[in-house]
Amino acid sequence: MAALLECDWIAKGQNLLHTGSCGSGKTWLSCAIGHTACIKGYSVRYYRISRLLLELTQSKTDGSYSKFLNSLNR
């Protein structure tokens, strides 16, 4: 956990995906890590998987898929 809060993984271009059962604290943990990243000057995006998959599907349909993928890497 301490290594995640140092945010070195962001500088390396890595992503973070939390999985687990309902009520296990995934959202709370994601928000805490995101908040720390913001304090360190990083931009943060939070997606529920259902919303991310919807946006990916829509971007494939309207032809903006590669633009959307590039926006995730900023």
Protein backbone atom coordinates (compact mmCIF):
# COMPACT_ATOMS: atom_id res chain seq x y z
CA MET A 1 0.00 0.00 0.00
CA ALA A 2 2.79 2.43 0.84
CA ALA A 3 4.37 1.83 -2.57
CA LEU A 4 1.09 2.68 -4.31
CA LEU A 5 0.82 5.94 -2.39
CA GLU A 6 4.29 6.97 -3.57
CA CYS A 7 2.81 7.04 -7.11
CA ASP A 8 5.95 5.70 -8.80
CA TRP A 9 3.70 3.40 -10.83
CA ILE A 10 2.12 6.48 -12.47
CA ALA A 11 5.49 7.86 -13.53
CA LYS A 12 6.21 4.46 -15.10
CA GLY A 13 3.01 4.66 -17.16
CA GLN A 14 1.32 1.80 -15.35
CA ASN A 15 -2.39 1.53 -14.57
CA LEU A 16 -4.21 0.47 -11.44
CA LEU A 17 -7.23 -1.81 -11.45
CA HIS A 18 -9.01 -2.78 -8.24
CA THR A 19 -11.11 -5.93 -8.11
CA GLY A 20 -12.98 -7.53 -5.29
CA SER A 21 -16.36 -8.32 -3.85
CA CYS A 22 -19.02 -5.73 -3.04
CA GLY A 23 -18.31 -3.82 0.14
CA SER A 24 -14.61 -4.63 0.23
CA GLY A 25 -13.55 -0.97 -0.01
CA LYS A 26 -12.47 -0.72 -3.65
CA THR A 27 -14.03 2.70 -4.20
CA TRP A 28 -12.67 4.08 -0.94
CA LEU A 29 -9.20 2.79 -1.75
CA SER A 30 -9.33 4.15 -5.30
CA CYS A 31 -10.39 7.57 -4.07
CA ALA A 32 -7.64 7.64 -1.44
CA ILE A 33 -4.95 6.72 -3.98
CA GLY A 34 -6.40 9.19 -6.50
CA HIS A 35 -6.44 11.95 -3.89
CA THR A 36 -2.79 11.30 -3.06
CA ALA A 37 -1.91 11.35 -6.77
CA CYS A 38 -3.69 14.71 -7.17
CA ILE A 39 -1.74 16.14 -4.24
CA LYS A 40 1.45 15.01 -6.00
CA GLY A 41 0.37 16.88 -9.16
CA TYR A 42 -1.03 14.03 -11.26
CA SER A 43 -4.29 14.08 -13.17
CA VAL A 44 -6.71 11.35 -12.11
CA ARG A 45 -9.65 9.62 -13.75
CA TYR A 46 -11.97 7.20 -12.02
CA TYR A 47 -14.13 4.79 -14.02
CA ARG A 48 -16.49 2.08 -12.96
CA ILE A 49 -15.87 -0.80 -15.34
CA SER A 50 -19.41 -0.58 -16.74
CA ARG A 51 -18.91 3.08 -17.67
CA LEU A 52 -15.45 2.47 -19.13
CA LEU A 53 -16.75 -0.38 -21.30
CA LEU A 54 -19.67 1.78 -22.45
CA GLU A 55 -17.33 4.62 -23.46
CA LEU A 56 -15.01 2.18 -25.26
CA THR A 57 -17.96 0.70 -27.17
CA GLN A 58 -19.33 4.13 -28.10
CA SER A 59 -15.93 5.37 -29.24
CA LYS A 60 -15.56 2.31 -31.50
CA THR A 61 -18.98 3.05 -33.00
CA ASP A 62 -18.34 6.74 -33.71
CA GLY A 63 -14.75 6.27 -34.91
CA SER A 64 -13.00 7.99 -32.00
CA TYR A 65 -11.60 4.82 -30.41
CA SER A 66 -7.91 5.64 -30.81
CA LYS A 67 -8.53 9.22 -29.67
CA PHE A 68 -10.28 7.91 -26.55
CA LEU A 69 -7.47 5.44 -25.82
CA ASN A 70 -4.90 8.23 -26.18
CA SER A 71 -6.91 10.41 -23.78
CA LEU A 72 -6.60 7.67 -21.15
CA ASN A 73 -2.80 7.89 -21.32
CA ARG A 74 -2.59 11.56 -20.41
